[in-house]
């Protein structure tokens, strides 16, 4: 029921006849460049995210925050 090796070879031969080896070589190179650039962008994004998180944590640690607990009440005039 699945695709056999012979069927894949026939499809590959037809693709080679239609496009030629030069176009397929260029297509493969372009695809490789695209994948390489995508991986580079993802890696840079992860590094930038890690740097941003570290900076935010440092700012939170440096900040002197004081919490004042109390009760807020509103006096309503009863007339």
PDB file of N, CA and C in Angstrom:
ATOM      1  N   UNK A   1       0.817  -1.199   0.000  1.00  0.00           N
ATOM      2  CA  UNK A   1       0.000   0.000   0.000  1.00  0.00           C
ATOM      3  C   UNK A   1       0.859   1.260   0.000  1.00  0.00           C
ATOM      4  N   UNK A   2       2.072   1.217   0.573  1.00  0.00           N
ATOM      5  CA  UNK A   2       2.941   2.387   0.648  1.00  0.00           C
ATOM      6  C   UNK A   2       3.681   2.603  -0.665  1.00  0.00           C
ATOM      7  N   UNK A   3       4.492   3.615  -0.670  1.00  0.00           N
ATOM      8  CA  UNK A   3       5.276   3.950  -1.861  1.00  0.00           C
ATOM      9  C   UNK A   3       6.523   3.067  -1.876  1.00  0.00           C
ATOM     10  N   UNK A   4       6.758   2.410  -2.994  1.00  0.00           N
ATOM     11  CA  UNK A   4       7.915   1.538  -3.091  1.00  0.00           C
ATOM     12  C   UNK A   4       9.131   2.321  -3.602  1.00  0.00           C
ATOM     13  N   UNK A   5      10.287   1.683  -3.537  1.00  0.00           N
ATOM     14  CA  UNK A   5      11.527   2.296  -3.982  1.00  0.00           C
ATOM     15  C   UNK A   5      11.465   2.599  -5.471  1.00  0.00           C
ATOM     16  N   UNK A   6      10.870   1.706  -6.248  1.00  0.00           N
ATOM     17  CA  UNK A   6      10.788   1.906  -7.698  1.00  0.00           C
ATOM     18  C   UNK A   6       9.935   3.118  -8.039  1.00  0.00           C
ATOM     19  N   UNK A   7       8.860   3.306  -7.310  1.00  0.00           N
ATOM     20  CA  UNK A   7       8.006   4.469  -7.561  1.00  0.00           C
ATOM     21  C   UNK A   7       8.752   5.771  -7.251  1.00  0.00           C
ATOM     22  N   UNK A   8       9.525   5.774  -6.160  1.00  0.00           N
ATOM     23  CA  UNK A   8      10.314   6.959  -5.828  1.00  0.00           C
ATOM     24  C   UNK A   8      11.365   7.244  -6.895  1.00  0.00           C
ATOM     25  N   UNK A   9      12.006   6.213  -7.416  1.00  0.00           N
ATOM     26  CA  UNK A   9      13.004   6.398  -8.469  1.00  0.00           C
ATOM     27  C   UNK A   9      12.381   6.955  -9.738  1.00  0.00           C
ATOM     28  N   UNK A  10      11.200   6.488 -10.086  1.00  0.00           N
ATOM     29  CA  UNK A  10      10.504   6.985 -11.280  1.00  0.00           C
ATOM     30  C   UNK A  10      10.155   8.465 -11.108  1.00  0.00           C
ATOM     31  N   UNK A  11       9.648   8.828  -9.941  1.00  0.00           N
ATOM     32  CA  UNK A  11       9.304  10.228  -9.673  1.00  0.00           C
ATOM     33  C   UNK A  11      10.563  11.088  -9.729  1.00  0.00           C
ATOM     34  N   UNK A  12      11.665  10.620  -9.148  1.00  0.00           N
ATOM     35  CA  UNK A  12      12.927  11.357  -9.178  1.00  0.00           C
ATOM     36  C   UNK A  12      13.420  11.557 -10.613  1.00  0.00           C
ATOM     37  N   UNK A  13      13.301  10.523 -11.451  1.00  0.00           N
ATOM     38  CA  UNK A  13      13.727  10.630 -12.850  1.00  0.00           C
ATOM     39  C   UNK A  13      12.882  11.662 -13.602  1.00  0.00           C
ATOM     40  N   UNK A  14      11.595  11.679 -13.348  1.00  0.00           N
ATOM     41  CA  UNK A  14      10.711  12.646 -14.005  1.00  0.00           C
ATOM     42  C   UNK A  14      11.054  14.072 -13.567  1.00  0.00           C
ATOM     43  N   UNK A  15      11.304  14.266 -12.278  1.00  0.00           N
ATOM     44  CA  UNK A  15      11.671  15.595 -11.768  1.00  0.00           C
ATOM     45  C   UNK A  15      12.978  16.056 -12.395  1.00  0.00           C
ATOM     46  N   UNK A  16      13.954  15.153 -12.503  1.00  0.00           N
ATOM     47  CA  UNK A  16      15.230  15.505 -13.137  1.00  0.00           C
ATOM     48  C   UNK A  16      15.048  15.893 -14.598  1.00  0.00           C
ATOM     49  N   UNK A  17      14.173  15.183 -15.303  1.00  0.00           N
ATOM     50  CA  UNK A  17      13.926  15.506 -16.707  1.00  0.00           C
ATOM     51  C   UNK A  17      13.226  16.862 -16.857  1.00  0.00           C
ATOM     52  N   UNK A  18      12.313  17.153 -15.967  1.00  0.00           N
ATOM     53  CA  UNK A  18      11.558  18.410 -16.069  1.00  0.00           C
ATOM     54  C   UNK A  18      12.405  19.620 -15.689  1.00  0.00           C
ATOM     55  N   UNK A  19      13.136  19.544 -14.590  1.00  0.00           N
ATOM     56  CA  UNK A  19      13.829  20.714 -14.073  1.00  0.00           C
ATOM     57  C   UNK A  19      15.318  20.751 -14.419  1.00  0.00           C
ATOM     58  N   UNK A  20      15.920  19.632 -14.593  1.00  0.00           N
ATOM     59  CA  UNK A  20      17.359  19.596 -14.852  1.00  0.00           C
ATOM     60  C   UNK A  20      18.148  19.655 -13.566  1.00  0.00           C
ATOM     61  N   UNK A  21      19.383  19.227 -13.646  1.00  0.00           N
ATOM     62  CA  UNK A  21      20.197  19.150 -12.440  1.00  0.00           C
ATOM     63  C   UNK A  21      20.633  20.524 -11.949  1.00  0.00           C
ATOM     64  N   UNK A  22      20.823  21.467 -12.860  1.00  0.00           N
ATOM     65  CA  UNK A  22      21.290  22.792 -12.457  1.00  0.00           C
ATOM     66  C   UNK A  22      20.250  23.510 -11.590  1.00  0.00           C
ATOM     67  N   UNK A  23      18.992  23.461 -12.001  1.00  0.00           N
ATOM     68  CA  UNK A  23      17.942  24.116 -11.211  1.00  0.00           C
ATOM     69  C   UNK A  23      17.767  23.428  -9.863  1.00  0.00           C
ATOM     70  N   UNK A  24      17.849  22.113  -9.845  1.00  0.00           N
ATOM     71  CA  UNK A  24      17.702  21.388  -8.579  1.00  0.00           C
ATOM     72  C   UNK A  24      18.875  21.693  -7.645  1.00  0.00           C
ATOM     73  N   UNK A  25      20.082  21.846  -8.212  1.00  0.00           N
ATOM     74  CA  UNK A  25      21.248  22.188  -7.409  1.00  0.00           C
ATOM     75  C   UNK A  25      21.069  23.580  -6.793  1.00  0.00           C
ATOM     76  N   UNK A  26      20.615  24.527  -7.588  1.00  0.00           N
ATOM     77  CA  UNK A  26      20.371  25.886  -7.084  1.00  0.00           C
ATOM     78  C   UNK A  26      19.274  25.885  -6.019  1.00  0.00           C
ATOM     79  N   UNK A  27      18.233  25.115  -6.254  1.00  0.00           N
ATOM     80  CA  UNK A  27      17.131  25.023  -5.304  1.00  0.00           C
ATOM     81  C   UNK A  27      17.619  24.443  -3.980  1.00  0.00           C
ATOM     82  N   UNK A  28      18.446  23.412  -4.050  1.00  0.00           N
ATOM     83  CA  UNK A  28      18.995  22.810  -2.832  1.00  0.00           C
ATOM     84  C   UNK A  28      19.870  23.786  -2.066  1.00  0.00           C
ATOM     85  N   UNK A  29      20.706  24.545  -2.782  1.00  0.00           N
ATOM     86  CA  UNK A  29      21.555  25.543  -2.127  1.00  0.00           C
ATOM     87  C   UNK A  29      20.741  26.641  -1.472  1.00  0.00           C
ATOM     88  N   UNK A  30      19.711  27.108  -2.167  1.00  0.00           N
ATOM     89  CA  UNK A  30      18.844  28.152  -1.601  1.00  0.00           C
ATOM     90  C   UNK A  30      18.118  27.642  -0.361  1.00  0.00           C
ATOM     91  N   UNK A  31      17.658  26.406  -0.423  1.00  0.00           N
ATOM     92  CA  UNK A  31      16.961  25.815   0.719  1.00  0.00           C
ATOM     93  C   UNK A  31      17.911  25.672   1.909  1.00  0.00           C
ATOM     94  N   UNK A  32      19.147  25.261   1.644  1.00  0.00           N
ATOM     95  CA  UNK A  32      20.138  25.141   2.709  1.00  0.00           C
ATOM     96  C   UNK A  32      20.439  26.485   3.354  1.00  0.00           C
ATOM     97  N   UNK A  33      20.584  27.539   2.542  1.00  0.00           N
ATOM     98  CA  UNK A  33      20.823  28.881   3.073  1.00  0.00           C
ATOM     99  C   UNK A  33      19.660  29.357   3.929  1.00  0.00           C
ATOM    100  N   UNK A  34      18.450  29.073   3.476  1.00  0.00           N
ATOM    101  CA  UNK A  34      17.259  29.483   4.216  1.00  0.00           C
ATOM    102  C   UNK A  34      17.213  28.803   5.580  1.00  0.00           C
ATOM    103  N   UNK A  35      17.478  27.513   5.616  1.00  0.00           N
ATOM    104  CA  UNK A  35      17.459  26.777   6.880  1.00  0.00           C
ATOM    105  C   UNK A  35      18.556  27.290   7.806  1.00  0.00           C
ATOM    106  N   UNK A  36      19.740  27.543   7.271  1.00  0.00           N
ATOM    107  CA  UNK A  36      20.861  28.045   8.067  1.00  0.00           C
ATOM    108  C   UNK A  36      20.517  29.404   8.676  1.00  0.00           C
ATOM    109  N   UNK A  37      19.942  30.299   7.884  1.00  0.00           N
ATOM    110  CA  UNK A  37      19.562  31.626   8.397  1.00  0.00           C
ATOM    111  C   UNK A  37      18.466  31.532   9.451  1.00  0.00           C
ATOM    112  N   UNK A  38      17.528  30.605   9.253  1.00  0.00           N
ATOM    113  CA  UNK A  38      16.452  30.424  10.227  1.00  0.00           C
ATOM    114  C   UNK A  38      17.022  29.949  11.560  1.00  0.00           C
ATOM    115  N   UNK A  39      17.914  28.981  11.532  1.00  0.00           N
ATOM    116  CA  UNK A  39      18.523  28.475  12.768  1.00  0.00           C
ATOM    117  C   UNK A  39      19.311  29.571  13.470  1.00  0.00           C
ATOM    118  N   UNK A  40      20.020  30.401  12.688  1.00  0.00           N
ATOM    119  CA  UNK A  40      20.792  31.497  13.256  1.00  0.00           C
ATOM    120  C   UNK A  40      19.869  32.501  13.944  1.00  0.00           C
ATOM    121  N   UNK A  41      18.746  32.825  13.309  1.00  0.00           N
ATOM    122  CA  UNK A  41      17.800  33.778  13.889  1.00  0.00           C
ATOM    123  C   UNK A  41      17.178  33.225  15.170  1.00  0.00           C
ATOM    124  N   UNK A  42      16.865  31.941  15.181  1.00  0.00           N
ATOM    125  CA  UNK A  42      16.287  31.326  16.380  1.00  0.00           C
ATOM    126  C   UNK A  42      17.303  31.362  17.518  1.00  0.00           C
ATOM    127  N   UNK A  43      18.552  31.047  17.215  1.00  0.00           N
ATOM    128  CA  UNK A  43      19.601  31.055  18.238  1.00  0.00           C
ATOM    129  C   UNK A  43      19.789  32.458  18.800  1.00  0.00           C
ATOM    130  N   UNK A  44      19.814  33.472  17.933  1.00  0.00           N
ATOM    131  CA  UNK A  44      19.962  34.853  18.386  1.00  0.00           C
ATOM    132  C   UNK A  44      18.764  35.278  19.223  1.00  0.00           C
ATOM    133  N   UNK A  45      17.575  34.838  18.845  1.00  0.00           N
ATOM    134  CA  UNK A  45      16.377  35.173  19.610  1.00  0.00           C
ATOM    135  C   UNK A  45      16.401  34.564  20.996  1.00  0.00           C
ATOM    136  N   UNK A  46      16.889  33.328  21.108  1.00  0.00           N
ATOM    137  CA  UNK A  46      16.982  32.681  22.414  1.00  0.00           C
ATOM    138  C   UNK A  46      18.009  33.396  23.295  1.00  0.00           C
ATOM    139  N   UNK A  47      19.144  33.786  22.712  1.00  0.00           N
ATOM    140  CA  UNK A  47      20.169  34.494  23.481  1.00  0.00           C
ATOM    141  C   UNK A  47      19.645  35.848  23.939  1.00  0.00           C
ATOM    142  N   UNK A  48      18.930  36.535  23.066  1.00  0.00           N
ATOM    143  CA  UNK A  48      18.374  37.840  23.415  1.00  0.00           C
ATOM    144  C   UNK A  48      17.330  37.698  24.517  1.00  0.00           C
ATOM    145  N   UNK A  49      16.514  36.659  24.433  1.00  0.00           N
ATOM    146  CA  UNK A  49      15.509  36.417  25.468  1.00  0.00           C
ATOM    147  C   UNK A  49      16.149  36.102  26.808  1.00  0.00           C
ATOM    148  N   UNK A  50      17.233  35.338  26.798  1.00  0.00           N
ATOM    149  CA  UNK A  50      17.930  35.014  28.041  1.00  0.00           C
ATOM    150  C   UNK A  50      18.560  36.264  28.640  1.00  0.00           C
ATOM    151  N   UNK A  51      19.127  37.122  27.800  1.00  0.00           N
ATOM    152  CA  UNK A  51      19.728  38.361  28.289  1.00  0.00           C
ATOM    153  C   UNK A  51      18.673  39.285  28.871  1.00  0.00           C
ATOM    154  N   UNK A  52      17.519  39.346  28.233  1.00  0.00           N
ATOM    155  CA  UNK A  52      16.429  40.198  28.721  1.00  0.00           C
ATOM    156  C   UNK A  52      15.934  39.694  30.069  1.00  0.00           C
ATOM    157  N   UNK A  53      15.780  38.389  30.219  1.00  0.00           N
ATOM    158  CA  UNK A  53      15.331  37.815  31.489  1.00  0.00           C
ATOM    159  C   UNK A  53      16.325  38.101  32.601  1.00  0.00           C
ATOM    160  N   UNK A  54      17.615  37.937  32.301  1.00  0.00           N
ATOM    161  CA  UNK A  54      18.638  38.198  33.319  1.00  0.00           C
ATOM    162  C   UNK A  54      18.630  39.664  33.718  1.00  0.00           C
ATOM    163  N   UNK A  55      18.457  40.561  32.767  1.00  0.00           N
ATOM    164  CA  UNK A  55      18.426  41.998  33.057  1.00  0.00           C
ATOM    165  C   UNK A  55      17.218  42.343  33.927  1.00  0.00           C
ATOM    166  N   UNK A  56      16.059  41.775  33.611  1.00  0.00           N
ATOM    167  CA  UNK A  56      14.857  42.049  34.396  1.00  0.00           C
ATOM    168  C   UNK A  56      14.996  41.519  35.818  1.00  0.00           C
ATOM    169  N   UNK A  57      15.569  40.329  35.965  1.00  0.00           N
ATOM    170  CA  UNK A  57      15.751  39.765  37.301  1.00  0.00           C
ATOM    171  C   UNK A  57      16.714  40.632  38.108  1.00  0.00           C
ATOM    172  N   UNK A  58      17.759  41.137  37.468  1.00  0.00           N
ATOM    173  CA  UNK A  58      18.717  41.984  38.157  1.00  0.00           C
ATOM    174  C   UNK A  58      18.048  43.285  38.593  1.00  0.00           C
ATOM    175  N   UNK A  59      17.235  43.871  37.712  1.00  0.00           N
ATOM    176  CA  UNK A  59      16.548  45.115  38.069  1.00  0.00           C
ATOM    177  C   UNK A  59      15.602  44.885  39.243  1.00  0.00           C
ATOM    178  N   UNK A  60      14.896  43.749  39.250  1.00  0.00           N
ATOM    179  CA  UNK A  60      13.996  43.449  40.355  1.00  0.00           C
ATOM    180  C   UNK A  60      14.766  43.267  41.658  1.00  0.00           C
ATOM    181  N   UNK A  61      15.926  42.653  41.593  1.00  0.00           N
ATOM    182  CA  UNK A  61      16.732  42.437  42.791  1.00  0.00           C
ATOM    183  C   UNK A  61      17.310  43.757  43.302  1.00  0.00           C
ATOM    184  N   UNK A  62      17.669  44.642  42.389  1.00  0.00           N
ATOM    185  CA  UNK A  62      18.263  45.923  42.768  1.00  0.00           C
ATOM    186  C   UNK A  62      17.231  46.898  43.326  1.00  0.00           C
ATOM    187  N   UNK A  63      16.001  46.743  42.923  1.00  0.00           N
ATOM    188  CA  UNK A  63      14.964  47.696  43.311  1.00  0.00           C
ATOM    189  C   UNK A  63      14.643  47.537  44.797  1.00  0.00           C
ATOM    190  N   UNK A  64      14.640  48.646  45.533  1.00  0.00           N
ATOM    191  CA  UNK A  64      14.285  48.618  46.942  1.00  0.00           C
ATOM    192  C   UNK A  64      12.786  48.876  47.029  1.00  0.00           C
ATOM    193  N   UNK A  65      12.046  47.824  47.222  1.00  0.00           N
ATOM    194  CA  UNK A  65      10.596  47.991  47.250  1.00  0.00           C
ATOM    195  C   UNK A  65      10.091  47.829  48.676  1.00  0.00           C
ATOM    196  N   UNK A  66       9.209  48.708  49.038  1.00  0.00           N
ATOM    197  CA  UNK A  66       8.602  48.669  50.357  1.00  0.00           C
ATOM    198  C   UNK A  66       7.115  48.475  50.189  1.00  0.00           C
ATOM    199  N   UNK A  67       6.606  47.499  50.903  1.00  0.00           N
ATOM    200  CA  UNK A  67       5.170  47.228  50.843  1.00  0.00           C
ATOM    201  C   UNK A  67       4.553  47.771  52.124  1.00  0.00           C
ATOM    202  N   UNK A  68       3.596  48.613  51.954  1.00  0.00           N
ATOM    203  CA  UNK A  68       2.897  49.194  53.097  1.00  0.00           C
ATOM    204  C   UNK A  68       1.521  48.560  53.150  1.00  0.00           C
ATOM    205  N   UNK A  69       1.288  47.898  54.261  1.00  0.00           N
ATOM    206  CA  UNK A  69      -0.010  47.257  54.417  1.00  0.00           C
ATOM    207  C   UNK A  69      -0.903  48.168  55.239  1.00  0.00           C
ATOM    208  N   UNK A  70      -2.133  48.217  54.864  1.00  0.00           N
ATOM    209  CA  UNK A  70      -3.063  49.057  55.587  1.00  0.00           C
ATOM    210  C   UNK A  70      -4.471  48.819  55.094  1.00  0.00           C
ATOM    211  N   UNK A  71      -5.365  49.553  55.661  1.00  0.00           N
ATOM    212  CA  UNK A  71      -6.761  49.400  55.302  1.00  0.00           C
ATOM    213  C   UNK A  71      -7.261  50.714  54.732  1.00  0.00           C
ATOM    214  N   UNK A  72      -7.924  50.612  53.609  1.00  0.00           N
ATOM    215  CA  UNK A  72      -8.469  51.796  52.973  1.00  0.00           C
ATOM    216  C   UNK A  72      -9.960  51.828  53.280  1.00  0.00           C
ATOM    217  N   UNK A  73     -10.392  52.957  53.785  1.00  0.00           N
ATOM    218  CA  UNK A  73     -11.818  53.065  54.064  1.00  0.00           C
ATOM    219  C   UNK A  73     -12.354  54.356  53.484  1.00  0.00           C
ATOM    220  N   UNK A  74     -13.570  54.304  53.109  1.00  0.00           N
ATOM    221  CA  UNK A  74     -14.230  55.493  52.569  1.00  0.00           C
ATOM    222  C   UNK A  74     -15.410  55.823  53.484  1.00  0.00           C
ATOM    223  N   UNK A  75     -15.453  57.046  53.928  1.00  0.00           N
ATOM    224  CA  UNK A  75     -16.567  57.489  54.759  1.00  0.00           C
ATOM    225  C   UNK A  75     -17.662  58.014  53.842  1.00  0.00           C
ATOM    226  N   UNK A  76     -18.832  57.435  53.979  1.00  0.00           N
ATOM    227  CA  UNK A  76     -19.961  57.904  53.191  1.00  0.00           C
ATOM    228  C   UNK A  76     -20.889  58.688  54.113  1.00  0.00           C
ATOM    229  N   UNK A  77     -21.319  59.796  53.623  1.00  0.00           N
ATOM    230  CA  UNK A  77     -22.249  60.624  54.396  1.00  0.00           C
ATOM    231  C   UNK A  77     -23.621  59.953  54.424  1.00  0.00           C
ATOM    232  N   UNK A  78     -24.142  59.769  55.597  1.00  0.00           N
ATOM    233  CA  UNK A  78     -25.469  59.193  55.736  1.00  0.00           C
ATOM    234  C   UNK A  78     -26.444  60.334  55.995  1.00  0.00           C
ATOM    235  N   UNK A  79     -27.284  60.616  55.097  1.00  0.00           N
ATOM    236  CA  UNK A  79     -28.252  61.695  55.273  1.00  0.00           C
ATOM    237  C   UNK A  79     -29.636  61.198  55.049  1.00  0.00           C
TER     238      UNK A  79
END
